[in-house]
Amino acid sequence: MVKAPKPKVPRGPNAERRAATRAKIMEAAVRCLAEFGYAATSTPLVARLAKVSRGSLLHQFPTKVDLILGVADYASRARGAAVRENLGPYPDGPDRFLHGVDAVWASLQEPAAIALMEITIATRSDPELAARYPLFADDLDAALHRSRRRMAINLGVPERTAEIDVLAHLTRAALHGLAMESVFIGRPTSDALKVVALLKDMRQRLVDELQSSEK
């Protein structure tokens, strides 16, 4: 499992201990959500899995929703790190754009992605989470829009950012839906791979159009 980059923390033994405790809590919470689901995830269970005292957990996350929102941010960063790792061999440009579909699909098989799915679904049944989750979702959407603009710039067509943004949004939505079918319904991933291939074909057609227009 690819883990999220560790945030920089102030130097000193107390800060280091706090960061180490937080990392253990995050990893345990991701595991708990991915294996047992949102309803079964609780601060006592996460503390037990993380092998920290419940008091240490509550010091950083006073409520379950505080913990869950921390996990959402952590899991989102872990997913981003997984995508970047999978795209490492490809330089900016058409190849990276095409293989982005494979990279996103691979990242959705990670426990962090499954945990994030559980959190997203839980906003329908947890009023406090529903009230606070949109701020995280809005920040994530803004980051995705910036990423898609960079994608258009790297392809040499900043004037077509809106078109690439829509295609990237379609890719993300389709792959998330496929991942949910695989995780929650048990649909074979072989069916999903046909959709992955179609999404890559759509991107290839756009790349071919861009390259032909340059000639």
N, C-alpha and C. Protein backbone atom coordinates (compact mmCIF):
# COMPACT_ATOMS: atom_id res chain seq x y z
N MET A 1 0.84 -1.19 0.00
CA MET A 1 0.00 0.00 0.00
C MET A 1 0.88 1.24 0.00
N VAL A 2 0.61 2.18 -0.88
CA VAL A 2 1.34 3.43 -0.92
C VAL A 2 0.78 4.36 0.14
N LYS A 3 1.64 4.88 0.97
CA LYS A 3 1.20 5.74 2.06
C LYS A 3 1.35 7.19 1.66
N ALA A 4 0.55 8.04 2.29
CA ALA A 4 0.63 9.46 2.01
C ALA A 4 1.95 10.01 2.50
N PRO A 5 2.48 11.03 1.80
CA PRO A 5 3.72 11.63 2.26
C PRO A 5 3.56 12.17 3.67
N LYS A 6 4.58 11.97 4.49
CA LYS A 6 4.49 12.46 5.86
C LYS A 6 4.64 13.97 5.89
N PRO A 7 3.74 14.68 6.58
CA PRO A 7 3.85 16.13 6.65
C PRO A 7 5.05 16.56 7.48
N LYS A 8 5.59 17.74 7.16
CA LYS A 8 6.69 18.26 7.95
C LYS A 8 6.17 18.67 9.32
N VAL A 9 6.94 18.39 10.33
CA VAL A 9 6.52 18.72 11.69
C VAL A 9 7.65 19.46 12.38
N PRO A 10 7.34 20.28 13.39
CA PRO A 10 8.39 20.96 14.13
C PRO A 10 9.32 19.94 14.78
N ARG A 11 10.57 20.32 14.93
CA ARG A 11 11.52 19.43 15.55
C ARG A 11 11.28 19.34 17.05
N GLY A 12 11.74 18.24 17.63
CA GLY A 12 11.58 18.05 19.07
C GLY A 12 10.92 16.73 19.36
N PRO A 13 11.26 16.12 20.47
CA PRO A 13 10.72 14.79 20.78
C PRO A 13 9.21 14.75 20.89
N ASN A 14 8.59 15.79 21.47
CA ASN A 14 7.13 15.78 21.61
C ASN A 14 6.44 15.83 20.25
N ALA A 15 6.94 16.69 19.37
CA ALA A 15 6.35 16.80 18.03
C ALA A 15 6.55 15.50 17.26
N GLU A 16 7.71 14.89 17.41
CA GLU A 16 7.98 13.63 16.70
C GLU A 16 7.07 12.52 17.21
N ARG A 17 6.88 12.47 18.52
CA ARG A 17 5.99 11.45 19.08
C ARG A 17 4.56 11.66 18.61
N ARG A 18 4.15 12.92 18.59
CA ARG A 18 2.79 13.24 18.16
C ARG A 18 2.59 12.84 16.69
N ALA A 19 3.58 13.13 15.84
CA ALA A 19 3.49 12.77 14.43
C ALA A 19 3.48 11.26 14.25
N ALA A 20 4.30 10.56 15.02
CA ALA A 20 4.34 9.10 14.92
C ALA A 20 3.02 8.49 15.36
N THR A 21 2.44 9.04 16.44
CA THR A 21 1.14 8.55 16.91
C THR A 21 0.06 8.81 15.87
N ARG A 22 0.09 9.99 15.28
CA ARG A 22 -0.92 10.33 14.27
C ARG A 22 -0.82 9.38 13.07
N ALA A 23 0.42 9.09 12.65
CA ALA A 23 0.61 8.20 11.51
C ALA A 23 0.04 6.81 11.80
N LYS A 24 0.28 6.31 13.01
CA LYS A 24 -0.25 4.99 13.37
C LYS A 24 -1.77 5.01 13.41
N ILE A 25 -2.34 6.10 13.90
CA ILE A 25 -3.80 6.22 13.96
C ILE A 25 -4.38 6.25 12.55
N MET A 26 -3.75 7.02 11.66
CA MET A 26 -4.26 7.12 10.29
C MET A 26 -4.22 5.76 9.59
N GLU A 27 -3.10 5.06 9.72
CA GLU A 27 -2.97 3.76 9.06
C GLU A 27 -3.98 2.76 9.62
N ALA A 28 -4.19 2.80 10.94
CA ALA A 28 -5.16 1.90 11.56
C ALA A 28 -6.58 2.24 11.15
N ALA A 29 -6.89 3.53 11.04
CA ALA A 29 -8.23 3.94 10.65
C ALA A 29 -8.53 3.56 9.20
N VAL A 30 -7.55 3.71 8.33
CA VAL A 30 -7.72 3.28 6.94
C VAL A 30 -8.01 1.79 6.90
N ARG A 31 -7.23 1.02 7.64
CA ARG A 31 -7.44 -0.44 7.68
C ARG A 31 -8.82 -0.77 8.21
N CYS A 32 -9.23 -0.08 9.26
CA CYS A 32 -10.53 -0.34 9.88
C CYS A 32 -11.67 -0.05 8.90
N LEU A 33 -11.61 1.10 8.25
CA LEU A 33 -12.65 1.46 7.28
C LEU A 33 -12.68 0.50 6.10
N ALA A 34 -11.50 0.14 5.59
CA ALA A 34 -11.42 -0.72 4.42
C ALA A 34 -11.89 -2.14 4.73
N GLU A 35 -11.59 -2.63 5.94
CA GLU A 35 -11.92 -4.02 6.28
C GLU A 35 -13.31 -4.18 6.91
N PHE A 36 -13.70 -3.20 7.74
CA PHE A 36 -14.93 -3.37 8.52
C PHE A 36 -16.05 -2.40 8.16
N GLY A 37 -15.72 -1.32 7.42
CA GLY A 37 -16.74 -0.36 7.03
C GLY A 37 -16.89 0.78 8.02
N TYR A 38 -17.65 1.80 7.60
CA TYR A 38 -17.80 3.01 8.39
C TYR A 38 -18.54 2.76 9.71
N ALA A 39 -19.64 2.01 9.63
CA ALA A 39 -20.47 1.81 10.82
C ALA A 39 -19.69 1.13 11.94
N ALA A 40 -18.82 0.18 11.58
CA ALA A 40 -18.07 -0.56 12.59
C ALA A 40 -16.82 0.17 13.07
N THR A 41 -16.46 1.24 12.38
CA THR A 41 -15.26 1.99 12.77
C THR A 41 -15.58 2.89 13.96
N SER A 42 -14.78 2.76 15.00
CA SER A 42 -14.99 3.57 16.21
C SER A 42 -13.62 3.99 16.75
N THR A 43 -13.62 5.02 17.58
CA THR A 43 -12.35 5.46 18.14
C THR A 43 -11.70 4.39 19.02
N PRO A 44 -12.46 3.62 19.82
CA PRO A 44 -11.80 2.55 20.59
C PRO A 44 -11.16 1.48 19.70
N LEU A 45 -11.87 1.10 18.62
CA LEU A 45 -11.33 0.07 17.74
C LEU A 45 -10.08 0.57 17.02
N VAL A 46 -10.12 1.80 16.55
CA VAL A 46 -8.96 2.35 15.85
C VAL A 46 -7.77 2.46 16.80
N ALA A 47 -8.03 2.90 18.03
CA ALA A 47 -6.94 3.01 19.01
C ALA A 47 -6.33 1.64 19.27
N ARG A 48 -7.18 0.62 19.36
CA ARG A 48 -6.68 -0.73 19.61
C ARG A 48 -5.83 -1.23 18.43
N LEU A 49 -6.31 -0.99 17.21
CA LEU A 49 -5.56 -1.42 16.03
C LEU A 49 -4.25 -0.65 15.89
N ALA A 50 -4.27 0.61 16.29
CA ALA A 50 -3.07 1.44 16.19
C ALA A 50 -2.10 1.20 17.34
N LYS A 51 -2.57 0.47 18.36
CA LYS A 51 -1.78 0.20 19.55
C LYS A 51 -1.35 1.49 20.25
N VAL A 52 -2.34 2.39 20.38
CA VAL A 52 -2.15 3.62 21.15
C VAL A 52 -3.30 3.71 22.14
N SER A 53 -3.13 4.50 23.17
CA SER A 53 -4.22 4.66 24.14
C SER A 53 -5.35 5.47 23.51
N ARG A 54 -6.56 5.21 23.98
CA ARG A 54 -7.69 5.97 23.44
C ARG A 54 -7.53 7.45 23.78
N GLY A 55 -6.91 7.73 24.92
CA GLY A 55 -6.67 9.12 25.29
C GLY A 55 -5.76 9.82 24.29
N SER A 56 -4.74 9.11 23.81
CA SER A 56 -3.84 9.69 22.80
C SER A 56 -4.59 9.99 21.51
N LEU A 57 -5.49 9.07 21.14
CA LEU A 57 -6.27 9.30 19.93
C LEU A 57 -7.21 10.48 20.11
N LEU A 58 -7.92 10.51 21.24
CA LEU A 58 -8.89 11.59 21.46
C LEU A 58 -8.21 12.94 21.63
N HIS A 59 -6.95 12.94 22.04
CA HIS A 59 -6.21 14.21 22.16
C HIS A 59 -6.06 14.86 20.78
N GLN A 60 -5.89 14.03 19.75
CA GLN A 60 -5.73 14.57 18.40
C GLN A 60 -7.06 14.63 17.65
N PHE A 61 -7.96 13.69 17.97
CA PHE A 61 -9.25 13.63 17.27
C PHE A 61 -10.35 13.44 18.32
N PRO A 62 -10.90 14.53 18.82
CA PRO A 62 -11.87 14.45 19.92
C PRO A 62 -13.14 13.66 19.61
N THR A 63 -13.55 13.61 18.33
CA THR A 63 -14.77 12.88 17.96
C THR A 63 -14.48 11.95 16.78
N LYS A 64 -15.42 11.05 16.54
CA LYS A 64 -15.27 10.15 15.39
C LYS A 64 -15.22 10.94 14.09
N VAL A 65 -16.04 11.97 13.96
CA VAL A 65 -16.05 12.74 12.72
C VAL A 65 -14.73 13.48 12.53
N ASP A 66 -14.14 13.99 13.63
CA ASP A 66 -12.81 14.61 13.52
C ASP A 66 -11.81 13.59 12.97
N LEU A 67 -11.88 12.39 13.48
CA LEU A 67 -10.99 11.32 13.02
C LEU A 67 -11.25 11.01 11.54
N ILE A 68 -12.50 10.87 11.18
CA ILE A 68 -12.85 10.49 9.81
C ILE A 68 -12.41 11.55 8.81
N LEU A 69 -12.56 12.82 9.16
CA LEU A 69 -12.12 13.88 8.26
C LEU A 69 -10.60 13.89 8.12
N GLY A 70 -9.90 13.57 9.21
CA GLY A 70 -8.45 13.43 9.13
C GLY A 70 -8.07 12.28 8.22
N VAL A 71 -8.81 11.19 8.32
CA VAL A 71 -8.55 10.03 7.46
C VAL A 71 -8.85 10.36 6.00
N ALA A 72 -9.91 11.12 5.75
CA ALA A 72 -10.25 11.49 4.37
C ALA A 72 -9.10 12.23 3.72
N ASP A 73 -8.53 13.19 4.45
CA ASP A 73 -7.39 13.94 3.92
C ASP A 73 -6.19 13.02 3.71
N TYR A 74 -5.90 12.18 4.70
CA TYR A 74 -4.78 11.24 4.62
C TYR A 74 -4.96 10.27 3.45
N ALA A 75 -6.15 9.71 3.32
CA ALA A 75 -6.42 8.73 2.26
C ALA A 75 -6.34 9.38 0.88
N SER A 76 -6.81 10.61 0.78
CA SER A 76 -6.74 11.31 -0.49
C SER A 76 -5.29 11.55 -0.90
N ARG A 77 -4.47 11.92 0.07
CA ARG A 77 -3.04 12.13 -0.21
C ARG A 77 -2.36 10.81 -0.59
N ALA A 78 -2.75 9.73 0.08
CA ALA A 78 -2.19 8.42 -0.23
C ALA A 78 -2.54 8.01 -1.65
N ARG A 79 -3.78 8.28 -2.06
CA ARG A 79 -4.20 7.97 -3.42
C ARG A 79 -3.39 8.77 -4.42
N GLY A 80 -3.22 10.05 -4.13
CA GLY A 80 -2.42 10.90 -5.02
C GLY A 80 -1.00 10.40 -5.15
N ALA A 81 -0.43 9.97 -4.02
CA ALA A 81 0.94 9.43 -4.04
C ALA A 81 1.01 8.16 -4.87
N ALA A 82 -0.03 7.32 -4.79
CA ALA A 82 -0.06 6.08 -5.57
C ALA A 82 -0.13 6.38 -7.06
N VAL A 83 -0.95 7.36 -7.43
CA VAL A 83 -1.07 7.74 -8.85
C VAL A 83 0.28 8.26 -9.35
N ARG A 84 0.92 9.14 -8.58
CA ARG A 84 2.22 9.69 -9.01
C ARG A 84 3.27 8.60 -9.13
N GLU A 85 3.25 7.64 -8.21
CA GLU A 85 4.21 6.55 -8.27
C GLU A 85 4.01 5.72 -9.53
N ASN A 86 2.76 5.43 -9.86
CA ASN A 86 2.48 4.64 -11.06
C ASN A 86 2.81 5.38 -12.35
N LEU A 87 2.78 6.71 -12.29
CA LEU A 87 3.08 7.52 -13.47
C LEU A 87 4.56 7.90 -13.54
N GLY A 88 5.34 7.48 -12.55
CA GLY A 88 6.75 7.82 -12.50
C GLY A 88 7.52 7.56 -13.79
N PRO A 89 7.30 6.42 -14.46
CA PRO A 89 8.08 6.13 -15.68
C PRO A 89 7.72 7.02 -16.88
N TYR A 90 6.63 7.77 -16.79
CA TYR A 90 6.15 8.52 -17.95
C TYR A 90 6.37 10.02 -17.78
N PRO A 91 7.05 10.66 -18.73
CA PRO A 91 7.25 12.11 -18.65
C PRO A 91 5.96 12.85 -18.95
N ASP A 92 5.94 14.13 -18.62
CA ASP A 92 4.77 14.95 -18.92
C ASP A 92 4.51 14.92 -20.43
N GLY A 93 3.25 14.77 -20.77
CA GLY A 93 2.90 14.74 -22.18
C GLY A 93 1.89 13.65 -22.48
N PRO A 94 1.76 13.25 -23.75
CA PRO A 94 0.73 12.29 -24.16
C PRO A 94 0.78 10.95 -23.43
N ASP A 95 1.99 10.38 -23.26
CA ASP A 95 2.07 9.07 -22.60
C ASP A 95 1.56 9.13 -21.17
N ARG A 96 1.92 10.18 -20.47
CA ARG A 96 1.45 10.34 -19.08
C ARG A 96 -0.06 10.52 -19.05
N PHE A 97 -0.59 11.26 -20.02
CA PHE A 97 -2.03 11.48 -20.12
C PHE A 97 -2.76 10.16 -20.35
N LEU A 98 -2.24 9.33 -21.25
CA LEU A 98 -2.88 8.05 -21.56
C LEU A 98 -2.82 7.09 -20.39
N HIS A 99 -1.65 6.98 -19.77
CA HIS A 99 -1.48 6.02 -18.69
C HIS A 99 -2.08 6.51 -17.37
N GLY A 100 -2.56 7.75 -17.36
CA GLY A 100 -3.24 8.25 -16.18
C GLY A 100 -4.46 7.41 -15.83
N VAL A 101 -5.12 6.84 -16.84
CA VAL A 101 -6.28 5.98 -16.60
C VAL A 101 -5.86 4.75 -15.80
N ASP A 102 -4.78 4.10 -16.23
CA ASP A 102 -4.29 2.92 -15.52
C ASP A 102 -3.84 3.27 -14.11
N ALA A 103 -3.20 4.43 -13.97
CA ALA A 103 -2.68 4.84 -12.66
C ALA A 103 -3.82 5.09 -11.67
N VAL A 104 -4.87 5.75 -12.14
CA VAL A 104 -6.02 6.02 -11.26
C VAL A 104 -6.71 4.71 -10.90
N TRP A 105 -6.90 3.82 -11.88
CA TRP A 105 -7.56 2.55 -11.60
C TRP A 105 -6.76 1.73 -10.58
N ALA A 106 -5.45 1.69 -10.74
CA ALA A 106 -4.60 0.96 -9.79
C ALA A 106 -4.71 1.54 -8.39
N SER A 107 -4.76 2.87 -8.30
CA SER A 107 -4.84 3.52 -6.98
C SER A 107 -6.14 3.19 -6.27
N LEU A 108 -7.20 2.92 -7.04
CA LEU A 108 -8.50 2.63 -6.45
C LEU A 108 -8.59 1.23 -5.85
N GLN A 109 -7.56 0.42 -6.06
CA GLN A 109 -7.53 -0.91 -5.45
C GLN A 109 -6.89 -0.87 -4.07
N GLU A 110 -6.31 0.27 -3.70
CA GLU A 110 -5.60 0.41 -2.42
C GLU A 110 -6.60 0.58 -1.27
N PRO A 111 -6.24 0.13 -0.05
CA PRO A 111 -7.12 0.32 1.11
C PRO A 111 -7.50 1.78 1.35
N ALA A 112 -6.58 2.70 1.06
CA ALA A 112 -6.90 4.12 1.26
C ALA A 112 -8.08 4.55 0.42
N ALA A 113 -8.14 4.06 -0.82
CA ALA A 113 -9.26 4.42 -1.70
C ALA A 113 -10.56 3.80 -1.21
N ILE A 114 -10.49 2.57 -0.72
CA ILE A 114 -11.69 1.91 -0.20
C ILE A 114 -12.19 2.65 1.04
N ALA A 115 -11.26 3.08 1.89
CA ALA A 115 -11.63 3.85 3.08
C ALA A 115 -12.34 5.15 2.67
N LEU A 116 -11.83 5.80 1.64
CA LEU A 116 -12.43 7.05 1.19
C LEU A 116 -13.82 6.82 0.61
N MET A 117 -14.02 5.70 -0.07
CA MET A 117 -15.36 5.36 -0.57
C MET A 117 -16.33 5.19 0.60
N GLU A 118 -15.88 4.49 1.64
CA GLU A 118 -16.73 4.29 2.82
C GLU A 118 -17.12 5.63 3.43
N ILE A 119 -16.18 6.54 3.50
CA ILE A 119 -16.45 7.86 4.09
C ILE A 119 -17.45 8.62 3.23
N THR A 120 -17.26 8.59 1.92
CA THR A 120 -18.15 9.31 1.01
C THR A 120 -19.58 8.80 1.13
N ILE A 121 -19.74 7.49 1.14
CA ILE A 121 -21.08 6.90 1.26
C ILE A 121 -21.71 7.25 2.60
N ALA A 122 -20.89 7.30 3.65
CA ALA A 122 -21.41 7.55 5.00
C ALA A 122 -21.98 8.94 5.18
N THR A 123 -21.66 9.87 4.27
CA THR A 123 -22.22 11.22 4.40
C THR A 123 -23.74 11.21 4.28
N ARG A 124 -24.31 10.15 3.70
CA ARG A 124 -25.76 10.06 3.56
C ARG A 124 -26.44 9.71 4.89
N SER A 125 -25.71 9.06 5.79
CA SER A 125 -26.35 8.58 7.02
C SER A 125 -25.84 9.24 8.29
N ASP A 126 -24.74 10.00 8.19
CA ASP A 126 -24.18 10.67 9.36
C ASP A 126 -24.34 12.17 9.18
N PRO A 127 -25.30 12.80 9.86
CA PRO A 127 -25.56 14.23 9.65
C PRO A 127 -24.36 15.13 9.95
N GLU A 128 -23.60 14.81 11.00
CA GLU A 128 -22.44 15.66 11.32
C GLU A 128 -21.38 15.55 10.24
N LEU A 129 -21.14 14.34 9.77
CA LEU A 129 -20.18 14.16 8.69
C LEU A 129 -20.66 14.87 7.43
N ALA A 130 -21.96 14.75 7.14
CA ALA A 130 -22.52 15.40 5.95
C ALA A 130 -22.36 16.91 6.00
N ALA A 131 -22.44 17.47 7.20
CA ALA A 131 -22.32 18.92 7.36
C ALA A 131 -20.89 19.40 7.16
N ARG A 132 -19.93 18.56 7.52
CA ARG A 132 -18.53 18.99 7.49
C ARG A 132 -17.75 18.48 6.29
N TYR A 133 -18.24 17.44 5.65
CA TYR A 133 -17.50 16.82 4.54
C TYR A 133 -17.36 17.72 3.31
N PRO A 134 -18.36 18.54 2.97
CA PRO A 134 -18.25 19.35 1.75
C PRO A 134 -17.01 20.24 1.70
N LEU A 135 -16.52 20.72 2.84
CA LEU A 135 -15.32 21.55 2.82
C LEU A 135 -14.13 20.75 2.30
N PHE A 136 -14.00 19.51 2.77
CA PHE A 136 -12.94 18.64 2.26
C PHE A 136 -13.16 18.37 0.77
N ALA A 137 -14.38 18.05 0.39
CA ALA A 137 -14.69 17.72 -1.01
C ALA A 137 -14.40 18.90 -1.93
N ASP A 138 -14.73 20.12 -1.47
CA ASP A 138 -14.48 21.31 -2.29
C ASP A 138 -12.98 21.52 -2.48
N ASP A 139 -12.21 21.33 -1.42
CA ASP A 139 -10.75 21.47 -1.52
C ASP A 139 -10.17 20.43 -2.49
N LEU A 140 -10.70 19.21 -2.42
CA LEU A 140 -10.24 18.16 -3.32
C LEU A 140 -10.57 18.49 -4.76
N ASP A 141 -11.78 18.96 -5.00
CA ASP A 141 -12.18 19.32 -6.37
C ASP A 141 -11.30 20.43 -6.92
N ALA A 142 -10.97 21.42 -6.08
CA ALA A 142 -10.11 22.52 -6.52
C ALA A 142 -8.73 22.00 -6.91
N ALA A 143 -8.21 21.06 -6.12
CA ALA A 143 -6.90 20.47 -6.42
C ALA A 143 -6.95 19.69 -7.72
N LEU A 144 -8.06 18.98 -7.96
CA LEU A 144 -8.20 18.20 -9.19
C LEU A 144 -8.27 19.13 -10.41
N HIS A 145 -8.97 20.26 -10.27
CA HIS A 145 -9.06 21.20 -11.38
C HIS A 145 -7.67 21.77 -11.70
N ARG A 146 -6.87 22.06 -10.68
CA ARG A 146 -5.51 22.56 -10.92
C ARG A 146 -4.67 21.50 -11.63
N SER A 147 -4.84 20.26 -11.22
CA SER A 147 -4.10 19.16 -11.84
C SER A 147 -4.48 19.02 -13.32
N ARG A 148 -5.76 19.17 -13.61
CA ARG A 148 -6.22 19.02 -14.99
C ARG A 148 -5.74 20.19 -15.85
N ARG A 149 -5.62 21.36 -15.26
CA ARG A 149 -5.08 22.50 -16.02
C ARG A 149 -3.61 22.24 -16.36
N ARG A 150 -2.86 21.69 -15.39
CA ARG A 150 -1.47 21.34 -15.67
C ARG A 150 -1.39 20.29 -16.77
N MET A 151 -2.36 19.37 -16.76
CA MET A 151 -2.42 18.33 -17.78
C MET A 151 -2.55 18.96 -19.17
N ALA A 152 -3.44 19.94 -19.29
CA ALA A 152 -3.64 20.62 -20.57
C ALA A 152 -2.39 21.38 -21.00
N ILE A 153 -1.74 22.01 -20.03
CA ILE A 153 -0.52 22.75 -20.34
C ILE A 153 0.58 21.80 -20.80
N ASN A 154 0.70 20.66 -20.12
CA ASN A 154 1.73 19.69 -20.50
C ASN A 154 1.47 19.07 -21.86
N LEU A 155 0.20 19.04 -22.26
CA LEU A 155 -0.15 18.55 -23.60
C LEU A 155 0.01 19.64 -24.66
N GLY A 156 0.32 20.86 -24.20
CA GLY A 156 0.51 21.97 -25.12
C GLY A 156 -0.76 22.61 -25.62
N VAL A 157 -1.88 22.38 -24.90
CA VAL A 157 -3.16 22.94 -25.35
C VAL A 157 -3.91 23.58 -24.17
N PRO A 158 -3.33 24.60 -23.56
CA PRO A 158 -4.01 25.22 -22.42
C PRO A 158 -5.38 25.77 -22.77
N GLU A 159 -5.59 26.08 -24.06
CA GLU A 159 -6.89 26.63 -24.47
C GLU A 159 -7.99 25.57 -24.45
N ARG A 160 -7.60 24.28 -24.30
CA ARG A 160 -8.60 23.21 -24.27
C ARG A 160 -8.71 22.60 -22.87
N THR A 161 -8.37 23.41 -21.88
CA THR A 161 -8.44 22.93 -20.49
C THR A 161 -9.83 22.44 -20.13
N ALA A 162 -10.87 23.16 -20.55
CA ALA A 162 -12.24 22.78 -20.19
C ALA A 162 -12.58 21.40 -20.74
N GLU A 163 -12.17 21.12 -21.97
CA GLU A 163 -12.45 19.82 -22.59
C GLU A 163 -11.71 18.70 -21.86
N ILE A 164 -10.46 18.95 -21.54
CA ILE A 164 -9.66 17.94 -20.83
C ILE A 164 -10.18 17.75 -19.42
N ASP A 165 -10.64 18.84 -18.81
CA ASP A 165 -11.21 18.77 -17.46
C ASP A 165 -12.43 17.85 -17.46
N VAL A 166 -13.29 17.99 -18.47
CA VAL A 166 -14.49 17.15 -18.57
C VAL A 166 -14.12 15.69 -18.78
N LEU A 167 -13.15 15.43 -19.64
CA LEU A 167 -12.74 14.06 -19.91
C LEU A 167 -12.11 13.43 -18.67
N ALA A 168 -11.30 14.21 -17.94
CA ALA A 168 -10.68 13.70 -16.72
C ALA A 168 -11.74 13.45 -15.65
N HIS A 169 -12.75 14.32 -15.59
CA HIS A 169 -13.85 14.13 -14.64
C HIS A 169 -14.63 12.86 -14.97
N LEU A 170 -14.89 12.65 -16.25
CA LEU A 170 -15.59 11.44 -16.68
C LEU A 170 -14.78 10.20 -16.29
N THR A 171 -13.47 10.25 -16.51
CA THR A 171 -12.59 9.13 -16.16
C THR A 171 -12.68 8.83 -14.67
N ARG A 172 -12.58 9.88 -13.87
CA ARG A 172 -12.60 9.69 -12.42
C ARG A 172 -13.94 9.13 -11.95
N ALA A 173 -15.03 9.68 -12.47
CA ALA A 173 -16.36 9.23 -12.06
C ALA A 173 -16.59 7.77 -12.48
N ALA A 174 -16.20 7.43 -13.70
CA ALA A 174 -16.40 6.07 -14.18
C ALA A 174 -15.58 5.07 -13.37
N LEU A 175 -14.33 5.40 -13.10
CA LEU A 175 -13.46 4.47 -12.36
C LEU A 175 -13.90 4.34 -10.91
N HIS A 176 -14.39 5.43 -10.32
CA HIS A 176 -14.91 5.33 -8.96
C HIS A 176 -16.13 4.41 -8.92
N GLY A 177 -17.01 4.56 -9.90
CA GLY A 177 -18.18 3.69 -9.96
C GLY A 177 -17.79 2.23 -10.13
N LEU A 178 -16.82 1.96 -10.99
CA LEU A 178 -16.35 0.60 -11.19
C LEU A 178 -15.73 0.03 -9.92
N ALA A 179 -14.96 0.87 -9.22
CA ALA A 179 -14.33 0.41 -7.99
C ALA A 179 -15.38 0.07 -6.94
N MET A 180 -16.43 0.88 -6.85
CA MET A 180 -17.50 0.60 -5.89
C MET A 180 -18.21 -0.70 -6.24
N GLU A 181 -18.44 -0.94 -7.53
CA GLU A 181 -19.06 -2.21 -7.94
C GLU A 181 -18.18 -3.39 -7.54
N SER A 182 -16.88 -3.22 -7.71
CA SER A 182 -15.95 -4.30 -7.39
C SER A 182 -15.89 -4.56 -5.89
N VAL A 183 -15.82 -3.48 -5.09
CA VAL A 183 -15.65 -3.61 -3.64
C VAL A 183 -16.95 -4.01 -2.95
N PHE A 184 -18.05 -3.33 -3.29
CA PHE A 184 -19.29 -3.51 -2.53
C PHE A 184 -20.24 -4.55 -3.13
N ILE A 185 -20.10 -4.80 -4.43
CA ILE A 185 -21.00 -5.77 -5.07
C ILE A 185 -20.25 -7.04 -5.45
N GLY A 186 -18.95 -6.92 -5.62
CA GLY A 186 -18.15 -8.09 -5.99
C GLY A 186 -18.14 -8.38 -7.47
N ARG A 187 -18.44 -7.36 -8.28
CA ARG A 187 -18.43 -7.57 -9.73
C ARG A 187 -17.00 -7.83 -10.19
N PRO A 188 -16.78 -8.77 -11.12
CA PRO A 188 -15.42 -9.12 -11.56
C PRO A 188 -14.68 -7.91 -12.15
N THR A 189 -13.42 -7.79 -11.80
CA THR A 189 -12.63 -6.67 -12.32
C THR A 189 -12.40 -6.81 -13.82
N SER A 190 -12.58 -8.03 -14.37
CA SER A 190 -12.41 -8.21 -15.81
C SER A 190 -13.42 -7.36 -16.59
N ASP A 191 -14.62 -7.19 -16.03
CA ASP A 191 -15.61 -6.33 -16.67
C ASP A 191 -15.15 -4.87 -16.65
N ALA A 192 -14.54 -4.48 -15.53
CA ALA A 192 -14.08 -3.10 -15.39
C ALA A 192 -12.97 -2.79 -16.38
N LEU A 193 -12.13 -3.77 -16.67
CA LEU A 193 -11.00 -3.53 -17.56
C LEU A 193 -11.46 -3.15 -18.96
N LYS A 194 -12.66 -3.58 -19.36
CA LYS A 194 -13.20 -3.19 -20.66
C LYS A 194 -13.50 -1.69 -20.67
N VAL A 195 -14.01 -1.19 -19.55
CA VAL A 195 -14.30 0.24 -19.44
C VAL A 195 -12.99 1.02 -19.39
N VAL A 196 -12.01 0.50 -18.66
CA VAL A 196 -10.69 1.15 -18.59
C VAL A 196 -10.12 1.28 -20.01
N ALA A 197 -10.23 0.23 -20.79
CA ALA A 197 -9.72 0.26 -22.17
C ALA A 197 -10.46 1.30 -23.00
N LEU A 198 -11.78 1.42 -22.80
CA LEU A 198 -12.56 2.41 -23.54
C LEU A 198 -12.14 3.83 -23.17
N LEU A 199 -11.92 4.07 -21.89
CA LEU A 199 -11.49 5.39 -21.43
C LEU A 199 -10.13 5.75 -22.01
N LYS A 200 -9.23 4.77 -22.08
CA LYS A 200 -7.92 5.02 -22.67
C LYS A 200 -8.05 5.31 -24.17
N ASP A 201 -8.97 4.61 -24.82
CA ASP A 201 -9.19 4.85 -26.24
C ASP A 201 -9.70 6.27 -26.48
N MET A 202 -10.57 6.76 -25.60
CA MET A 202 -11.07 8.13 -25.73
C MET A 202 -9.94 9.13 -25.59
N ARG A 203 -9.04 8.88 -24.67
CA ARG A 203 -7.89 9.77 -24.50
C ARG A 203 -6.95 9.69 -25.70
N GLN A 204 -6.77 8.48 -26.23
CA GLN A 204 -5.91 8.32 -27.39
C GLN A 204 -6.45 9.09 -28.59
N ARG A 205 -7.76 9.08 -28.76
CA ARG A 205 -8.37 9.82 -29.86
C ARG A 205 -8.11 11.32 -29.72
N LEU A 206 -8.18 11.81 -28.49
CA LEU A 206 -7.91 13.23 -28.27
C LEU A 206 -6.45 13.54 -28.56
N VAL A 207 -5.54 12.67 -28.13
CA VAL A 207 -4.12 12.86 -28.39
C VAL A 207 -3.86 12.86 -29.90
N ASP A 208 -4.47 11.91 -30.61
CA ASP A 208 -4.30 11.83 -32.07
C ASP A 208 -4.80 13.11 -32.73
N GLU A 209 -5.92 13.62 -32.24
CA GLU A 209 -6.47 14.87 -32.82
C GLU A 209 -5.52 16.03 -32.58
N LEU A 210 -4.98 16.10 -31.37
CA LEU A 210 -4.07 17.20 -31.04
C LEU A 210 -2.80 17.13 -31.88
N GLN A 211 -2.28 15.91 -32.04
CA GLN A 211 -1.05 15.75 -32.80
C GLN A 211 -1.27 16.04 -34.29
N SER A 212 -2.42 15.66 -34.81
CA SER A 212 -2.70 15.91 -36.24
C SER A 212 -2.89 17.40 -36.50
N SER A 213 -3.42 18.12 -35.52
CA SER A 213 -3.64 19.56 -35.69
C SER A 213 -2.34 20.34 -35.67
N GLU A 214 -1.28 19.72 -35.11
CA GLU A 214 0.02 20.39 -35.07
C GLU A 214 0.78 20.26 -36.37
N LYS A 215 0.34 19.31 -37.22
CA LYS A 215 1.06 19.09 -38.48
C LYS A 215 0.69 20.12 -39.55
